Amino acid sequence: MRELIESGEKSFSFEFFPPKDEAGEERLWRAITELEPYRPTFVSVTYGAGGSSRDTTVRITGRIARETSLTPVAHLTCVGHSRAELAEILDAYREAGVAHILALRGDPPGGPHTEWVSAEDGLEYASDLVSFIKEHYDAAVGVAAFPEGHVSAESLEQDALVLKAKQDAGAEFAVTEMVLRASDYFALVERARALGVDMPIIPGIMPILNLNSMSRMVELSGREMPDEVRARIEPLAETPEELRAEGIRISTELCEALLHGGAPGLHFYTLNFSKATREIFAALQITV
């Protein structure tokens, strides 16, 4: 995977979540079908809190591996799982033909901003999960990174040390949570490189399509919407179509700044829709 990301061309990837019902599954596969022609480096499928979507995630990633030209990356978290259960899940991924894993600690069992409690005979940190995977499975492993530091990190420096520990454990690439300012992403990369982190760090992109939902997502990540972004979208709160159009412009400008500044690619959080991502690609003049 690292070689693909660093192949010389910019890497583009898409993230999906496991659908909850038949209609959701139809929407997911429509988005996958519409985005497949862009030849992404990989597509990732999230893993519900405490493994709540475990079976669906295994099934969806397996189907992507079997029925499309795409390379699926399956999420896996430490939350609520013993080592034996993690091994069972990894066995299921391997049997489904999935050989790429995004290893995450995951949110605390009580939800974001609550105290972390590891499962009995479980793993404490994402770096532990990376080591566990690399010791027992022939899989490429990616990890998460945080442009403004993880919400529970003591400092930005400590947060960068955690990323270094993930690389030392065997991680080959990192994907950031949604980037709100290009400068935050580049500062993260600078901190990481100073510590010897040389794996590709791909910035995550979440198009702004709705003020309330975006504000909620930013709040859950323990951050604040940049003032310069609020100044552009809040006046449009009563005109959803205009707000959405401005949100696409803001996201496109962010993508341009990231790519121009040397980011190895872009990772789009699609929410199982393809339209916004395709609109940004069109604005960036990226074609099928």
Protein backbone atom coordinates (compact mmCIF):
# COMPACT_ATOMS: atom_id res chain seq x y z
CA MET A 1 0.00 0.00 0.00
CA ARG A 2 2.78 2.44 0.84
CA GLU A 3 4.30 1.89 -2.60
CA LEU A 4 0.95 2.61 -4.25
CA ILE A 5 0.50 5.83 -2.27
CA GLU A 6 4.03 6.95 -3.09
CA SER A 7 3.94 5.79 -6.73
CA GLY A 8 4.41 9.30 -8.07
CA GLU A 9 0.78 10.15 -8.77
CA LYS A 10 -1.47 11.66 -6.14
CA SER A 11 -3.41 9.09 -4.13
CA PHE A 12 -7.18 9.40 -3.86
CA SER A 13 -9.23 7.23 -1.53
CA PHE A 14 -12.80 7.06 -0.27
CA GLU A 15 -14.32 6.06 3.05
CA PHE A 16 -17.70 4.37 3.48
CA PHE A 17 -19.64 3.12 6.50
CA PRO A 18 -21.63 -0.13 6.84
CA PRO A 19 -25.30 0.44 5.94
CA LYS A 20 -28.02 -0.30 8.48
CA ASP A 21 -30.75 -1.42 6.09
CA GLU A 22 -31.46 -2.47 2.51
CA ALA A 23 -32.00 1.08 1.28
CA GLY A 24 -28.72 2.13 2.85
CA GLU A 25 -26.94 -0.76 1.18
CA GLU A 26 -28.33 0.24 -2.21
CA ARG A 27 -27.08 3.80 -1.65
CA LEU A 28 -23.65 2.51 -0.61
CA TRP A 29 -23.23 0.38 -3.73
CA ARG A 30 -24.46 3.21 -5.93
CA ALA A 31 -21.75 5.44 -4.45
CA ILE A 32 -19.11 2.73 -4.89
CA THR A 33 -20.16 2.22 -8.52
CA GLU A 34 -20.04 5.95 -9.24
CA LEU A 35 -16.62 6.42 -7.62
CA GLU A 36 -14.89 3.27 -8.89
CA PRO A 37 -14.04 4.85 -12.30
CA TYR A 38 -11.79 7.35 -10.51
CA ARG A 39 -9.43 4.44 -9.75
CA PRO A 40 -8.82 5.20 -6.06
CA THR A 41 -5.75 3.79 -4.39
CA PHE A 42 -8.07 2.22 -1.84
CA VAL A 43 -11.48 2.48 -0.24
CA SER A 44 -12.01 2.03 3.48
CA VAL A 45 -15.00 0.71 5.39
CA THR A 46 -15.55 1.83 8.98
CA TYR A 47 -16.16 -0.35 11.99
CA GLY A 48 -18.97 0.55 14.39
CA ALA A 49 -18.42 1.45 18.04
CA GLY A 50 -17.59 -1.65 20.03
CA GLY A 51 -17.71 -3.74 16.86
CA SER A 52 -21.43 -3.09 16.40
CA SER A 53 -21.11 -3.37 12.62
CA ARG A 54 -18.52 -6.14 12.63
CA ASP A 55 -20.34 -8.66 10.45
CA THR A 56 -21.54 -6.03 8.00
CA THR A 57 -18.06 -4.55 7.68
CA VAL A 58 -16.57 -7.98 6.96
CA ARG A 59 -19.28 -8.70 4.41
CA ILE A 60 -19.01 -5.33 2.65
CA THR A 61 -15.20 -5.37 2.43
CA GLY A 62 -15.28 -8.94 1.19
CA ARG A 63 -17.77 -8.04 -1.51
CA ILE A 64 -15.66 -5.06 -2.59
CA ALA A 65 -12.64 -7.37 -2.84
CA ARG A 66 -14.56 -9.96 -4.90
CA GLU A 67 -16.79 -7.87 -7.14
CA THR A 68 -14.90 -4.65 -7.89
CA SER A 69 -11.49 -3.49 -9.01
CA LEU A 70 -11.07 -1.62 -5.73
CA THR A 71 -8.69 -2.38 -2.87
CA PRO A 72 -10.67 -2.44 0.39
CA VAL A 73 -9.16 -1.35 3.69
CA ALA A 74 -11.15 -2.64 6.66
CA HIS A 75 -11.24 -0.69 9.90
CA LEU A 76 -10.59 -2.52 13.17
CA THR A 77 -10.69 -1.07 16.69
CA CYS A 78 -9.52 -2.20 20.11
CA VAL A 79 -12.84 -1.27 21.68
CA GLY A 80 -14.68 -4.10 23.40
CA HIS A 81 -12.53 -6.92 21.98
CA SER A 82 -10.19 -9.41 23.62
CA ARG A 83 -7.11 -10.60 21.75
CA ALA A 84 -8.95 -13.80 20.85
CA GLU A 85 -11.86 -11.82 19.38
CA LEU A 86 -9.50 -9.61 17.41
CA ALA A 87 -7.84 -12.71 15.97
CA GLU A 88 -11.27 -14.07 15.01
CA ILE A 89 -12.16 -10.85 13.19
CA LEU A 90 -8.82 -10.79 11.40
CA ASP A 91 -9.37 -14.41 10.35
CA ALA A 92 -12.73 -13.39 8.89
CA TYR A 93 -11.13 -10.53 6.96
CA ARG A 94 -8.44 -12.82 5.59
CA GLU A 95 -11.02 -15.39 4.51
CA ALA A 96 -12.98 -12.59 2.79
CA GLY A 97 -9.90 -11.63 0.78
CA VAL A 98 -9.19 -8.42 2.68
CA ALA A 99 -5.46 -7.85 3.23
CA HIS A 100 -5.39 -4.21 4.32
CA ILE A 101 -6.42 -3.01 7.79
CA LEU A 102 -6.80 0.44 9.34
CA ALA A 103 -5.88 -0.15 12.99
CA LEU A 104 -7.57 2.20 15.46
CA ARG A 105 -7.93 2.39 19.20
CA GLY A 106 -11.46 3.66 18.74
CA ASP A 107 -13.64 5.89 20.90
CA PRO A 108 -14.04 4.98 24.59
CA PRO A 109 -16.89 2.52 25.24
CA GLY A 110 -18.89 5.32 26.88
CA GLY A 111 -18.58 7.53 23.83
CA PRO A 112 -16.34 10.47 22.86
CA HIS A 113 -14.82 12.50 25.72
CA THR A 114 -15.40 9.70 28.29
CA GLU A 115 -12.69 7.70 30.05
CA TRP A 116 -11.00 4.98 28.03
CA VAL A 117 -11.44 1.45 29.40
CA SER A 118 -9.78 -1.46 27.59
CA ALA A 119 -11.53 -4.82 27.25
CA GLU A 120 -10.49 -7.78 29.39
CA ASP A 121 -7.40 -9.33 27.76
CA GLY A 122 -7.70 -6.60 25.16
CA LEU A 123 -5.30 -4.02 23.79
CA GLU A 124 -4.72 -0.55 25.15
CA TYR A 125 -3.37 1.44 22.22
CA ALA A 126 -3.59 1.52 18.43
CA SER A 127 0.15 0.79 18.32
CA ASP A 128 -0.55 -2.43 20.25
CA LEU A 129 -3.13 -3.39 17.64
CA VAL A 130 -0.68 -2.67 14.83
CA SER A 131 1.89 -4.94 16.50
CA PHE A 132 -0.73 -7.65 17.04
CA ILE A 133 -1.73 -7.59 13.37
CA LYS A 134 1.83 -7.57 12.06
CA GLU A 135 2.88 -10.42 14.36
CA HIS A 136 0.05 -12.75 13.34
CA TYR A 137 -1.15 -11.70 9.88
CA ASP A 138 0.27 -10.88 6.47
CA ALA A 139 -1.56 -7.59 6.16
CA ALA A 140 -0.72 -4.00 5.28
CA VAL A 141 -1.68 -1.72 8.16
CA GLY A 142 -2.68 1.93 8.21
CA VAL A 143 -3.43 4.14 11.22
CA ALA A 144 -5.13 7.40 12.14
CA ALA A 145 -3.45 10.78 12.59
CA PHE A 146 -4.81 14.03 14.01
CA PRO A 147 -4.03 17.46 12.50
CA GLU A 148 -4.78 19.30 15.73
CA GLY A 149 -3.78 16.47 18.04
CA HIS A 150 -6.01 13.72 19.42
CA VAL A 151 -8.62 15.01 21.83
CA SER A 152 -6.98 13.10 24.71
CA ALA A 153 -3.38 13.96 23.86
CA GLU A 154 -1.44 15.88 26.50
CA SER A 155 0.25 18.00 23.84
CA LEU A 156 0.87 18.14 20.12
CA GLU A 157 4.35 16.76 20.73
CA GLN A 158 2.98 13.79 22.67
CA ASP A 159 0.45 13.20 19.91
CA ALA A 160 3.26 13.06 17.34
CA LEU A 161 5.13 10.56 19.52
CA VAL A 162 2.05 8.33 19.44
CA LEU A 163 2.10 8.43 15.64
CA LYS A 164 5.80 7.51 15.73
CA ALA A 165 4.97 4.53 17.96
CA LYS A 166 2.40 3.35 15.41
CA GLN A 167 4.98 3.50 12.64
CA ASP A 168 7.54 1.69 14.79
CA ALA A 169 4.95 -1.04 15.38
CA GLY A 170 4.65 -1.61 11.64
CA ALA A 171 2.17 0.94 10.24
CA GLU A 172 2.74 1.77 6.56
CA PHE A 173 0.54 4.83 6.12
CA ALA A 174 -1.70 7.19 8.07
CA VAL A 175 -5.01 8.88 7.29
CA THR A 176 -5.97 11.99 9.23
CA GLU A 177 -9.33 12.86 10.68
CA MET A 178 -11.00 15.62 8.70
CA VAL A 179 -8.68 18.54 8.06
CA LEU A 180 -10.21 21.93 8.83
CA ARG A 181 -7.19 24.08 7.87
CA ALA A 182 -4.34 23.15 5.55
CA SER A 183 -1.87 24.73 7.97
CA ASP A 184 -2.89 22.24 10.69
CA TYR A 185 -2.14 19.32 8.37
CA PHE A 186 1.27 20.67 7.35
CA ALA A 187 2.16 21.35 10.99
CA LEU A 188 1.30 17.74 11.84
CA VAL A 189 3.52 16.48 9.03
CA GLU A 190 6.36 18.72 10.19
CA ARG A 191 6.08 17.43 13.78
CA ALA A 192 5.98 13.85 12.61
CA ARG A 193 8.90 14.17 10.20
CA ALA A 194 11.02 15.75 12.95
CA LEU A 195 10.56 12.52 14.95
CA GLY A 196 11.45 10.25 12.03
CA VAL A 197 7.95 9.44 10.82
CA ASP A 198 8.46 8.96 7.10
CA MET A 199 5.30 7.05 6.13
CA PRO A 200 2.77 8.88 3.96
CA ILE A 201 0.21 10.90 5.90
CA ILE A 202 -2.97 11.41 3.85
CA PRO A 203 -5.26 14.32 4.78
CA GLY A 204 -8.93 13.50 5.35
CA ILE A 205 -11.55 15.63 3.60
CA MET A 206 -15.13 16.11 4.83
CA PRO A 207 -17.10 18.36 2.44
CA ILE A 208 -19.25 20.93 4.23
CA LEU A 209 -22.80 20.23 3.07
CA ASN A 210 -24.85 21.08 6.17
CA LEU A 211 -23.98 23.55 8.92
CA ASN A 212 -25.50 21.66 11.83
CA SER A 213 -24.09 18.25 10.97
CA MET A 214 -20.63 19.63 10.25
CA SER A 215 -20.63 21.62 13.50
CA ARG A 216 -21.58 18.46 15.38
CA MET A 217 -18.78 16.45 13.79
CA VAL A 218 -16.25 19.12 14.61
CA GLU A 219 -17.49 19.25 18.20
CA LEU A 220 -17.24 15.47 18.59
CA SER A 221 -13.61 15.63 17.51
CA GLY A 222 -12.91 18.15 20.27
CA ARG A 223 -12.19 21.05 17.92
CA GLU A 224 -13.75 24.27 16.71
CA MET A 225 -14.78 25.35 13.25
CA PRO A 226 -12.21 27.84 11.92
CA ASP A 227 -13.46 31.43 12.09
CA GLU A 228 -12.73 31.97 8.42
CA VAL A 229 -14.96 29.02 7.52
CA ARG A 230 -17.80 30.10 9.79
CA ALA A 231 -17.69 33.57 8.32
CA ARG A 232 -18.41 32.11 4.89
CA ILE A 233 -21.10 29.56 5.73
CA GLU A 234 -23.07 30.91 8.70
CA PRO A 235 -24.66 33.76 6.67
CA LEU A 236 -26.04 31.04 4.37
CA ALA A 237 -27.66 28.98 7.14
CA GLU A 238 -31.18 29.73 5.85
CA THR A 239 -30.36 28.91 2.23
CA PRO A 240 -29.23 25.25 2.21
CA GLU A 241 -28.39 25.08 -1.51
CA GLU A 242 -26.21 28.19 -1.32
CA LEU A 243 -24.55 26.89 1.84
CA ARG A 244 -23.84 23.56 0.15
CA ALA A 245 -22.33 25.29 -2.90
CA GLU A 246 -20.12 27.44 -0.68
CA GLY A 247 -19.13 24.35 1.31
CA ILE A 248 -18.00 22.63 -1.89
CA ARG A 249 -15.97 25.72 -2.80
CA ILE A 250 -14.33 25.76 0.65
CA SER A 251 -13.51 22.04 0.42
CA THR A 252 -12.10 22.45 -3.09
CA GLU A 253 -9.87 25.32 -1.96
CA LEU A 254 -8.67 23.16 0.94
CA CYS A 255 -7.88 20.28 -1.41
CA GLU A 256 -5.97 22.60 -3.74
CA ALA A 257 -3.90 23.96 -0.86
CA LEU A 258 -3.12 20.47 0.44
CA LEU A 259 -2.08 19.08 -2.94
CA HIS A 260 -0.08 22.20 -3.83
CA GLY A 261 1.71 21.97 -0.48
CA GLY A 262 2.85 18.42 -1.08
CA ALA A 263 0.21 16.17 0.46
CA PRO A 264 0.52 12.67 -1.07
CA GLY A 265 -3.19 12.60 -1.85
CA LEU A 266 -6.66 13.05 -0.41
CA HIS A 267 -8.98 10.75 1.57
CA PHE A 268 -12.67 11.62 1.22
CA TYR A 269 -15.21 10.88 3.94
CA THR A 270 -18.16 10.22 1.63
CA LEU A 271 -20.96 9.37 4.09
CA ASN A 272 -21.96 6.83 1.41
CA PHE A 273 -22.76 9.50 -1.18
CA SER A 274 -20.64 10.25 -4.22
CA LYS A 275 -22.02 13.57 -5.51
CA ALA A 276 -20.00 15.98 -3.35
CA THR A 277 -16.76 14.11 -3.98
CA ARG A 278 -17.40 14.08 -7.72
CA GLU A 279 -18.16 17.81 -7.66
CA ILE A 280 -14.85 18.50 -5.91
CA PHE A 281 -13.02 16.31 -8.42
CA ALA A 282 -14.63 18.26 -11.26
CA ALA A 283 -13.56 21.56 -9.68
CA LEU A 284 -10.02 20.15 -9.30
CA GLN A 285 -10.19 19.04 -12.95
CA ILE A 286 -9.69 15.41 -11.96
CA THR A 287 -11.52 13.26 -14.48
CA VAL A 288 -12.35 9.59 -14.88
